[in-house]
Amino acid sequence: MSETIRQVLASESPRPSITVCGWVRTRRDSKACSFLELTDGSCFKGLQVVVDASLPCSNLMPSILTGASVQVEGDLIPSPAAGQRWELQAKNVELLGEADASYPLQKKGHTPEFLRTIAHLRPRTNLFGSVFRVRSRMAFAVHRFFQERGFFYAHTPIITSSDCEGAGEMFRVTTQKPGSNAKPEDDFFGRPTYLTVSGQLQGEAFACALGNIYTFGPTFRAENSNTARHAAEFWMIEPEMAFYDLFADMTLAEENVRYLVQAMMTECPDELEFFNKFVDKELVARLQQTLDKPFERISYTEAVDLLLKSGRSFEHPVVWGEGLQTEHERYIAEEHVKGPVTIYNYPKVIKPFYMRQNDDGRTVAAMDLLVPGIGEIIGGSQREERLDLLQAAMKAQDLDEETYRWYVDLRRYGSVPHAGYGMGFERLLMFVTGVSNIRDVIPFARTPGHAPY
């Protein structure tokens, strides 16, 4: 049975007669031997394989090009080469799968834009192999964070009839043929249904029964946006907590970010070193600052004031009552606070119906957590638990109460103060890797006009 390269490189002493499998990243030949750099995706580093020219299998070397898959049996011995502890002295090499000269990763230095066109092969590169190992580790850390705190993992629907954000930017799910005159009630579910933009509303139902819950799954938004921060399919981390107010919500969100940054720094050291060297030379310093410096909190009104007094000329004018743009968020996080910051109490006219109205009549108990390099990474709020005010907010936003009858019931039967937030998983990954485009932290990105896989 073969071992992973990660297991082999962790060996404490030389070992005879081991077997590894992987893909050839490079091959160098000399008269005496050939050198293969072998990777299998289990870790950042590759394993050097030395194939003596006297071995019968050395005749295979001309057929073993970059990208080919091989199985190697040999002895693990100390390596005389600098920068590596071990190498594998081959006894036998078996070619499992050829890769010819058309293999598009023969050379180094491909741009991320080019690699997006071969998304099925890009995980074999250093950059994307690192990104997707980190994605796996971060996903596990997300579950660990909530499980350690006694949260229950709830699976909310991917197909829904409720528009959480009220913006209407949802993908319709239907079995009706294009151009059909069939009525919605004749469709598969008997009513219009969509791919979810959030598991929040259904998550609230579980929080009002189990206390503290979280969802973590794919969400979808039919927004015709081609920015580096938006995708049509993405993953969201969404906890909902009974008996929480806005400030308890902010505290948990801050702890969540710190926990995941710490996990990145302690559990992905090789990938972090690579990102800091080749992707963003300020990455380690920025992540360390996230751990060392207390998160600041300022109100939306204070944020608008400091932007107006900044002396900066922004592309989008700063106006109280309008949403903060990415350039505003990044100025606050990167230049004013110089670290993570939570902005809270936003104008109710720019927020969804479910957010708790503050006593001033102008704002709601909403919050956004901003980080340098990204801007918003978390958005959340205390939810409106008062039946009459929730109904009034729905009416003001022209929402059909019957569609949300079950949601209103949560306020009718044993309502409690509760709060929650949503963290964009891909934005988290952008933050901890320094990768600047969301398309490069998603295995197969879905954006307007682009879904080839």
Protein backbone atom coordinates (compact mmCIF):
# COMPACT_ATOMS: atom_id res chain seq x y z
CA MET A 1 0.00 0.00 0.00
CA SER A 2 1.35 3.42 -0.91
CA GLU A 3 1.86 6.27 1.54
CA THR A 4 1.15 9.94 1.04
CA ILE A 5 4.06 12.27 0.51
CA ARG A 6 2.97 14.14 3.61
CA GLN A 7 3.42 10.96 5.65
CA VAL A 8 6.76 10.22 4.05
CA LEU A 9 8.19 13.70 4.65
CA ALA A 10 7.18 13.45 8.31
CA SER A 11 9.38 10.37 8.79
CA GLU A 12 11.77 10.53 11.75
CA SER A 13 14.37 8.16 10.34
CA PRO A 14 15.39 6.50 7.06
CA ARG A 15 13.01 3.80 5.87
CA PRO A 16 13.56 0.97 3.39
CA SER A 17 11.11 -0.28 0.79
CA ILE A 18 8.29 2.26 0.80
CA THR A 19 5.84 3.02 -2.01
CA VAL A 20 4.51 6.42 -3.06
CA CYS A 21 2.25 7.52 -5.90
CA GLY A 22 1.87 10.96 -7.42
CA TRP A 23 2.26 13.30 -10.36
CA VAL A 24 5.54 14.43 -11.83
CA ARG A 25 6.08 18.14 -11.44
CA THR A 26 9.59 18.22 -12.95
CA ARG A 27 12.15 15.80 -14.36
CA ARG A 28 15.88 16.41 -14.71
CA ASP A 29 18.25 13.96 -16.36
CA SER A 30 21.98 13.33 -16.13
CA LYS A 31 24.15 10.48 -17.35
CA ALA A 32 24.11 8.82 -13.94
CA CYS A 33 20.48 9.31 -12.92
CA SER A 34 17.19 11.15 -13.31
CA PHE A 35 15.53 13.34 -10.70
CA LEU A 36 11.76 13.46 -10.41
CA GLU A 37 9.90 15.93 -8.22
CA LEU A 38 6.78 14.06 -7.17
CA THR A 39 3.64 15.62 -5.69
CA ASP A 40 0.38 14.03 -4.60
CA GLY A 41 -1.54 17.02 -3.21
CA SER A 42 -1.29 15.86 0.41
CA CYS A 43 1.03 18.72 1.35
CA PHE A 44 2.76 21.73 -0.13
CA LYS A 45 6.18 20.16 -0.55
CA GLY A 46 7.15 17.58 -3.13
CA LEU A 47 9.38 14.55 -2.75
CA GLN A 48 12.56 14.17 -4.78
CA VAL A 49 12.90 10.75 -6.40
CA VAL A 50 16.32 9.64 -7.66
CA VAL A 51 16.24 7.04 -10.45
CA ASP A 52 19.63 5.48 -11.15
CA ALA A 53 20.43 5.05 -14.84
CA SER A 54 21.39 1.42 -14.21
CA LEU A 55 17.84 0.46 -13.23
CA PRO A 56 15.70 -1.25 -15.90
CA CYS A 57 12.91 1.26 -15.21
CA SER A 58 15.21 4.12 -16.28
CA ASN A 59 14.18 3.28 -19.85
CA LEU A 60 10.78 4.79 -18.96
CA MET A 61 12.23 8.23 -18.25
CA PRO A 62 11.71 9.66 -21.78
CA SER A 63 7.99 8.82 -21.44
CA ILE A 64 7.62 10.38 -18.00
CA LEU A 65 6.88 14.01 -18.75
CA THR A 66 5.52 16.73 -16.51
CA GLY A 67 2.02 15.81 -15.43
CA ALA A 68 2.45 12.04 -15.74
CA SER A 69 1.38 9.87 -12.82
CA VAL A 70 3.76 7.25 -11.42
CA GLN A 71 4.18 4.73 -8.65
CA VAL A 72 7.63 4.52 -7.10
CA GLU A 73 9.09 1.89 -4.81
CA GLY A 74 12.34 2.65 -3.05
CA ASP A 75 14.30 3.55 0.07
CA LEU A 76 13.83 6.80 1.94
CA ILE A 77 17.28 8.23 2.67
CA PRO A 78 18.68 11.56 3.91
CA SER A 79 19.01 14.03 1.06
CA PRO A 80 22.31 15.80 0.43
CA ALA A 81 20.46 18.59 -1.37
CA ALA A 82 19.80 21.85 0.46
CA GLY A 83 16.26 22.59 1.60
CA GLN A 84 15.01 19.02 1.84
CA ARG A 85 15.46 16.42 4.52
CA TRP A 86 14.59 13.26 2.58
CA GLU A 87 14.72 11.82 -0.90
CA LEU A 88 13.53 8.52 -2.33
CA GLN A 89 16.14 6.27 -3.89
CA ALA A 90 14.06 4.41 -6.44
CA LYS A 91 14.17 0.66 -6.92
CA ASN A 92 11.32 0.59 -9.41
CA VAL A 93 9.16 3.16 -11.21
CA GLU A 94 5.84 2.33 -12.82
CA LEU A 95 4.16 4.74 -15.23
CA LEU A 96 0.48 4.86 -14.32
CA GLY A 97 -0.76 7.57 -16.65
CA GLU A 98 1.06 9.41 -19.42
CA ALA A 99 0.88 13.14 -20.01
CA ASP A 100 2.02 14.30 -23.42
CA ALA A 101 3.64 17.55 -24.49
CA SER A 102 0.26 19.27 -24.80
CA TYR A 103 -0.11 19.27 -21.00
CA PRO A 104 -0.74 22.97 -20.31
CA LEU A 105 1.24 23.12 -17.07
CA GLN A 106 4.59 22.24 -18.61
CA LYS A 107 5.92 25.70 -17.81
CA LYS A 108 5.71 27.87 -14.72
CA GLY A 109 4.47 31.44 -14.45
CA HIS A 110 0.92 31.06 -15.76
CA THR A 111 -1.40 33.88 -14.74
CA PRO A 112 -4.47 33.24 -12.56
CA GLU A 113 -6.59 34.42 -15.49
CA PHE A 114 -5.20 31.69 -17.74
CA LEU A 115 -5.51 29.05 -15.01
CA ARG A 116 -9.21 29.86 -14.60
CA THR A 117 -9.66 28.57 -18.15
CA ILE A 118 -8.33 25.17 -17.05
CA ALA A 119 -9.95 24.95 -13.65
CA HIS A 120 -9.86 21.15 -13.85
CA LEU A 121 -6.04 21.24 -13.86
CA ARG A 122 -5.18 24.30 -11.79
CA PRO A 123 -5.27 22.47 -8.39
CA ARG A 124 -2.01 20.83 -9.53
CA THR A 125 -0.16 24.15 -9.35
CA ASN A 126 1.52 25.42 -6.19
CA LEU A 127 -0.87 28.34 -5.91
CA PHE A 128 -4.14 26.53 -6.30
CA GLY A 129 -3.06 23.37 -4.55
CA SER A 130 -2.29 25.60 -1.57
CA VAL A 131 -5.57 27.50 -1.86
CA PHE A 132 -7.70 24.38 -1.88
CA ARG A 133 -5.82 22.66 0.94
CA VAL A 134 -6.40 25.79 2.98
CA ARG A 135 -10.06 25.79 1.97
CA SER A 136 -10.41 22.27 3.35
CA ARG A 137 -8.62 23.12 6.61
CA MET A 138 -10.66 26.29 7.08
CA ALA A 139 -13.94 24.43 6.50
CA PHE A 140 -13.00 21.98 9.23
CA ALA A 141 -12.00 24.86 11.52
CA VAL A 142 -15.39 26.50 10.97
CA HIS A 143 -17.16 23.39 12.25
CA ARG A 144 -14.69 23.04 15.11
CA PHE A 145 -15.27 26.63 16.26
CA PHE A 146 -19.01 26.16 16.63
CA GLN A 147 -18.92 22.57 17.87
CA GLU A 148 -16.51 23.55 20.66
CA ARG A 149 -19.08 26.13 21.78
CA GLY A 150 -22.02 23.73 21.85
CA PHE A 151 -23.68 24.88 18.63
CA PHE A 152 -25.78 22.46 16.60
CA TYR A 153 -25.22 22.15 12.85
CA ALA A 154 -28.50 22.67 10.99
CA HIS A 155 -29.06 21.81 7.32
CA THR A 156 -31.28 24.48 5.80
CA PRO A 157 -32.92 24.15 2.37
CA ILE A 158 -31.12 24.94 -0.86
CA ILE A 159 -34.49 25.23 -2.63
CA THR A 160 -36.70 27.83 -0.96
CA SER A 161 -39.77 29.99 -1.52
CA SER A 162 -38.47 32.78 0.75
CA ASP A 163 -36.27 35.66 -0.34
CA CYS A 164 -34.21 36.45 2.74
CA GLU A 165 -32.74 39.71 1.43
CA GLY A 166 -35.85 40.94 -0.38
CA ALA A 167 -33.78 42.03 -3.37
CA GLY A 168 -35.26 39.56 -5.84
CA GLU A 169 -31.85 38.50 -7.18
CA MET A 170 -32.61 34.77 -7.03
CA PHE A 171 -32.31 31.86 -9.43
CA ARG A 172 -35.70 30.33 -10.23
CA VAL A 173 -36.08 26.57 -9.82
CA THR A 174 -38.64 25.16 -12.24
CA THR A 175 -39.55 22.09 -14.27
CA GLN A 176 -41.61 24.17 -16.70
CA LYS A 177 -40.27 24.45 -20.22
CA PRO A 178 -39.12 27.82 -21.59
CA GLY A 179 -42.04 29.69 -23.12
CA SER A 180 -44.56 27.58 -21.25
CA ASN A 181 -47.83 29.26 -20.29
CA ALA A 182 -48.22 26.96 -17.27
CA LYS A 183 -49.21 28.60 -14.02
CA PRO A 184 -46.83 28.62 -11.01
CA GLU A 185 -49.21 26.35 -9.10
CA ASP A 186 -48.72 23.74 -11.84
CA ASP A 187 -44.97 23.70 -11.28
CA PHE A 188 -43.18 20.94 -9.36
CA PHE A 189 -43.60 22.52 -5.92
CA GLY A 190 -46.93 24.17 -6.65
CA ARG A 191 -45.48 27.65 -6.18
CA PRO A 192 -42.46 29.70 -7.33
CA THR A 193 -39.24 28.41 -5.78
CA TYR A 194 -35.63 29.57 -5.92
CA LEU A 195 -32.07 28.68 -5.01
CA THR A 196 -31.41 30.10 -1.57
CA VAL A 197 -29.49 33.31 -0.98
CA SER A 198 -29.21 32.50 2.74
CA GLY A 199 -30.14 29.88 5.30
CA GLN A 200 -30.84 32.56 7.89
CA LEU A 201 -34.63 32.53 8.04
CA GLN A 202 -34.84 28.77 8.43
CA GLY A 203 -31.88 28.93 10.81
CA GLU A 204 -33.88 31.23 13.06
CA ALA A 205 -36.55 28.55 13.37
CA PHE A 206 -33.95 26.12 14.69
CA ALA A 207 -32.38 28.69 17.00
CA CYS A 208 -35.81 29.26 18.52
CA ALA A 209 -35.88 25.56 19.42
CA LEU A 210 -32.28 24.41 19.93
CA GLY A 211 -30.71 27.65 21.17
CA ASN A 212 -27.47 28.14 19.25
CA ILE A 213 -27.17 26.71 15.74
CA TYR A 214 -25.14 27.31 12.60
CA THR A 215 -25.51 26.55 8.93
CA PHE A 216 -22.65 26.18 6.48
CA GLY A 217 -23.50 25.54 2.88
CA PRO A 218 -23.82 26.84 -0.67
CA THR A 219 -25.85 29.94 -1.46
CA PHE A 220 -26.72 31.57 -4.76
CA ARG A 221 -27.31 35.07 -6.02
CA ALA A 222 -28.43 36.06 -9.52
CA GLU A 223 -26.63 39.39 -9.40
CA ASN A 224 -25.05 40.53 -12.65
CA SER A 225 -21.85 41.60 -10.95
CA ASN A 226 -18.34 41.02 -12.28
CA THR A 227 -16.28 42.32 -9.38
CA ALA A 228 -13.40 40.47 -7.74
CA ARG A 229 -15.57 39.91 -4.63
CA HIS A 230 -18.77 38.49 -6.13
CA ALA A 231 -19.80 35.09 -7.48
CA ALA A 232 -23.16 33.58 -8.35
CA GLU A 233 -22.50 30.51 -6.19
CA PHE A 234 -20.65 30.80 -2.90
CA TRP A 235 -20.62 29.35 0.60
CA MET A 236 -21.93 31.01 3.74
CA ILE A 237 -21.31 30.41 7.44
CA GLU A 238 -24.46 31.48 9.27
CA PRO A 239 -24.92 31.08 13.03
CA GLU A 240 -28.16 32.03 14.77
CA MET A 241 -28.26 32.46 18.54
CA ALA A 242 -31.29 32.63 20.83
CA PHE A 243 -31.13 35.17 23.68
CA TYR A 244 -28.31 37.17 21.98
CA ASP A 245 -28.38 40.90 21.43
CA LEU A 246 -26.37 42.86 18.85
CA PHE A 247 -23.29 43.24 21.01
CA ALA A 248 -23.13 39.53 21.89
CA ASP A 249 -23.48 38.90 18.15
CA MET A 250 -20.52 41.18 17.39
CA THR A 251 -18.40 39.52 20.06
CA LEU A 252 -18.99 36.04 18.64
CA ALA A 253 -18.23 37.27 15.11
CA GLU A 254 -14.93 38.77 16.25
CA GLU A 255 -14.01 35.56 18.09
CA ASN A 256 -14.91 33.59 14.97
CA VAL A 257 -12.54 35.60 12.76
CA ARG A 258 -9.70 35.39 15.28
CA TYR A 259 -10.16 31.65 15.67
CA LEU A 260 -9.99 31.04 11.93
CA VAL A 261 -6.96 33.29 11.49
CA GLN A 262 -5.20 31.41 14.29
CA ALA A 263 -6.08 28.11 12.61
CA MET A 264 -4.56 29.37 9.36
CA MET A 265 -1.34 30.43 11.03
CA THR A 266 -0.84 27.26 13.07
CA GLU A 267 -2.23 24.58 10.75
CA CYS A 268 -1.12 25.77 7.30
CA PRO A 269 2.45 27.03 7.81
CA ASP A 270 3.87 25.92 4.45
CA GLU A 271 0.97 27.40 2.49
CA LEU A 272 1.12 30.60 4.53
CA GLU A 273 4.84 30.98 3.82
CA PHE A 274 4.16 30.52 0.11
CA PHE A 275 1.32 33.06 0.04
CA ASN A 276 3.38 35.58 1.98
CA LYS A 277 6.30 35.21 -0.44
CA PHE A 278 4.52 35.06 -3.77
CA VAL A 279 0.98 36.43 -3.34
CA ASP A 280 0.93 39.13 -0.65
CA LYS A 281 4.11 40.09 1.18
CA GLU A 282 2.10 41.79 3.95
CA LEU A 283 -0.11 38.76 4.63
CA VAL A 284 1.58 37.36 7.73
CA ALA A 285 1.89 40.80 9.31
CA ARG A 286 -1.78 41.53 8.63
CA LEU A 287 -2.96 38.23 10.06
CA GLN A 288 -0.74 38.59 13.12
CA GLN A 289 -2.15 42.07 13.67
CA THR A 290 -5.64 40.55 13.59
CA LEU A 291 -4.66 38.34 16.51
CA ASP A 292 -2.74 40.99 18.47
CA LYS A 293 -4.91 44.09 18.14
CA PRO A 294 -8.39 44.42 19.69
CA PHE A 295 -11.15 44.82 17.12
CA GLU A 296 -12.56 48.33 17.12
CA ARG A 297 -16.26 49.17 16.98
CA ILE A 298 -17.79 52.34 15.59
CA SER A 299 -21.34 53.25 14.69
CA TYR A 300 -22.43 53.81 11.11
CA THR A 301 -22.98 57.49 11.87
CA GLU A 302 -19.44 57.80 13.24
CA ALA A 303 -18.13 56.01 10.15
CA VAL A 304 -19.89 58.45 7.84
CA ASP A 305 -18.52 61.39 9.82
CA LEU A 306 -14.93 60.17 9.67
CA LEU A 307 -15.22 59.49 5.94
CA LEU A 308 -16.56 63.01 5.34
CA LYS A 309 -13.72 64.47 7.42
CA SER A 310 -11.03 62.27 5.85
CA GLY A 311 -10.20 64.71 3.08
CA ARG A 312 -10.28 61.82 0.64
CA SER A 313 -12.02 61.98 -2.71
CA PHE A 314 -14.01 58.77 -3.13
CA GLU A 315 -15.48 57.47 -6.36
CA HIS A 316 -18.82 57.03 -4.60
CA PRO A 317 -20.01 60.01 -2.54
CA VAL A 318 -20.43 59.46 1.19
CA VAL A 319 -24.04 60.12 2.20
CA TRP A 320 -25.76 59.23 5.47
CA GLY A 321 -28.57 56.83 4.65
CA GLU A 322 -26.75 55.05 1.82
CA GLY A 323 -24.68 51.88 1.97
CA LEU A 324 -20.94 52.03 2.48
CA GLN A 325 -19.03 51.02 -0.65
CA THR A 326 -15.97 48.78 -0.67
CA GLU A 327 -13.68 51.81 -1.03
CA HIS A 328 -15.24 53.32 2.09
CA GLU A 329 -14.95 50.08 4.06
CA ARG A 330 -11.33 49.56 3.09
CA TYR A 331 -10.40 53.14 3.94
CA ILE A 332 -11.85 52.69 7.44
CA ALA A 333 -10.19 49.30 8.02
CA GLU A 334 -6.86 49.93 6.31
CA GLU A 335 -6.14 53.61 6.87
CA HIS A 336 -8.25 54.84 9.78
CA VAL A 337 -8.37 51.85 12.12
CA LYS A 338 -5.46 49.93 10.57
CA GLY A 339 -7.08 46.65 11.51
CA PRO A 340 -10.42 44.86 11.81
CA VAL A 341 -13.40 47.00 12.76
CA THR A 342 -17.10 46.41 13.32
CA ILE A 343 -19.57 49.05 12.17
CA TYR A 344 -23.04 48.89 13.71
CA ASN A 345 -26.47 50.58 13.79
CA TYR A 346 -27.13 51.12 10.09
CA PRO A 347 -30.02 53.15 8.61
CA LYS A 348 -33.11 50.97 8.43
CA VAL A 349 -33.95 52.16 4.90
CA ILE A 350 -30.99 50.21 3.46
CA LYS A 351 -31.45 47.02 5.47
CA PRO A 352 -33.80 44.00 5.18
CA PHE A 353 -37.10 43.71 7.01
CA TYR A 354 -35.94 41.23 9.66
CA MET A 355 -33.44 43.50 11.44
CA ARG A 356 -34.41 44.85 14.85
CA GLN A 357 -35.42 48.50 14.84
CA ASN A 358 -33.61 50.78 17.26
CA ASP A 359 -35.39 53.25 19.50
CA ASP A 360 -34.21 56.21 17.40
CA GLY A 361 -36.60 55.20 14.60
CA ARG A 362 -33.86 55.68 12.02
CA THR A 363 -31.50 52.77 12.48
CA VAL A 364 -31.55 49.01 12.98
CA ALA A 365 -29.35 46.77 15.13
CA ALA A 366 -27.17 45.67 12.22
CA MET A 367 -23.42 45.19 12.05
CA ASP A 368 -20.70 44.59 9.47
CA LEU A 369 -17.23 43.34 10.36
CA LEU A 370 -14.57 44.80 8.07
CA VAL A 371 -11.01 43.56 7.59
CA PRO A 372 -8.06 45.11 5.74
CA GLY A 373 -7.64 44.02 2.15
CA ILE A 374 -11.23 42.85 1.78
CA GLY A 375 -13.73 45.17 3.42
CA GLU A 376 -16.87 43.43 4.69
CA ILE A 377 -16.29 39.82 5.68
CA ILE A 378 -19.29 39.41 8.02
CA GLY A 379 -22.74 40.98 8.03
CA GLY A 380 -25.27 40.39 10.77
CA SER A 381 -27.90 41.80 13.07
CA GLN A 382 -30.13 41.32 16.02
CA ARG A 383 -33.36 40.00 14.54
CA GLU A 384 -36.68 41.76 15.10
CA GLU A 385 -38.44 39.64 17.72
CA ARG A 386 -41.47 41.94 18.21
CA LEU A 387 -44.46 40.78 16.20
CA ASP A 388 -46.02 44.15 15.50
CA LEU A 389 -42.77 45.79 14.40
CA LEU A 390 -41.85 42.84 12.17
CA GLN A 391 -45.27 42.99 10.49
CA ALA A 392 -44.91 46.74 10.00
CA ALA A 393 -41.46 46.32 8.45
CA MET A 394 -42.77 43.66 6.06
CA LYS A 395 -45.63 45.89 5.03
CA ALA A 396 -43.27 48.82 4.48
CA GLN A 397 -41.14 46.66 2.16
CA ASP A 398 -44.24 45.35 0.36
CA LEU A 399 -43.71 41.72 1.39
CA ASP A 400 -46.55 39.21 1.36
CA GLU A 401 -47.04 38.17 4.99
CA GLU A 402 -48.68 34.91 3.93
CA THR A 403 -45.46 33.87 2.18
CA TYR A 404 -43.61 34.42 5.44
CA ARG A 405 -46.36 33.16 7.72
CA TRP A 406 -44.14 30.51 9.28
CA TYR A 407 -41.46 33.15 9.97
CA VAL A 408 -43.99 35.46 11.61
CA ASP A 409 -45.15 32.51 13.75
CA LEU A 410 -41.74 32.52 15.44
CA ARG A 411 -42.70 35.93 16.89
CA ARG A 412 -46.18 34.76 17.76
CA TYR A 413 -45.23 31.65 19.74
CA GLY A 414 -42.62 32.22 22.43
CA SER A 415 -40.58 34.95 20.77
CA VAL A 416 -37.15 35.71 22.21
CA PRO A 417 -34.37 38.20 21.48
CA HIS A 418 -32.01 36.56 19.02
CA ALA A 419 -29.25 37.46 16.60
CA GLY A 420 -26.99 36.03 13.94
CA TYR A 421 -24.61 36.79 11.13
CA GLY A 422 -23.33 35.54 7.81
CA MET A 423 -19.66 35.13 6.96
CA GLY A 424 -18.74 34.72 3.33
CA PHE A 425 -16.47 31.69 3.32
CA GLU A 426 -14.71 32.75 0.13
CA ARG A 427 -14.06 36.24 1.51
CA LEU A 428 -12.54 34.61 4.58
CA LEU A 429 -10.30 32.58 2.29
CA MET A 430 -9.28 35.70 0.41
CA PHE A 431 -8.36 37.30 3.73
CA VAL A 432 -6.22 34.42 5.04
CA THR A 433 -4.48 33.68 1.72
CA GLY A 434 -4.03 37.16 0.27
CA VAL A 435 -5.61 35.97 -3.00
CA SER A 436 -7.41 39.00 -4.41
CA ASN A 437 -10.11 37.45 -6.63
CA ILE A 438 -12.98 35.32 -5.37
CA ARG A 439 -12.80 33.23 -8.55
CA ASP A 440 -9.45 31.91 -7.35
CA VAL A 441 -10.64 30.53 -4.01
CA ILE A 442 -13.63 28.63 -5.46
CA PRO A 443 -12.91 25.27 -7.14
CA PHE A 444 -15.22 25.95 -10.10
CA ALA A 445 -16.40 29.56 -10.11
CA ARG A 446 -19.87 30.51 -11.33
CA THR A 447 -20.08 34.12 -12.52
CA PRO A 448 -22.27 35.91 -15.09
CA GLY A 449 -21.81 34.21 -18.45
CA HIS A 450 -19.43 31.61 -17.02
CA ALA A 451 -20.30 28.07 -15.91
CA PRO A 452 -18.29 25.73 -18.18
CA TYR A 453 -18.11 22.80 -15.80
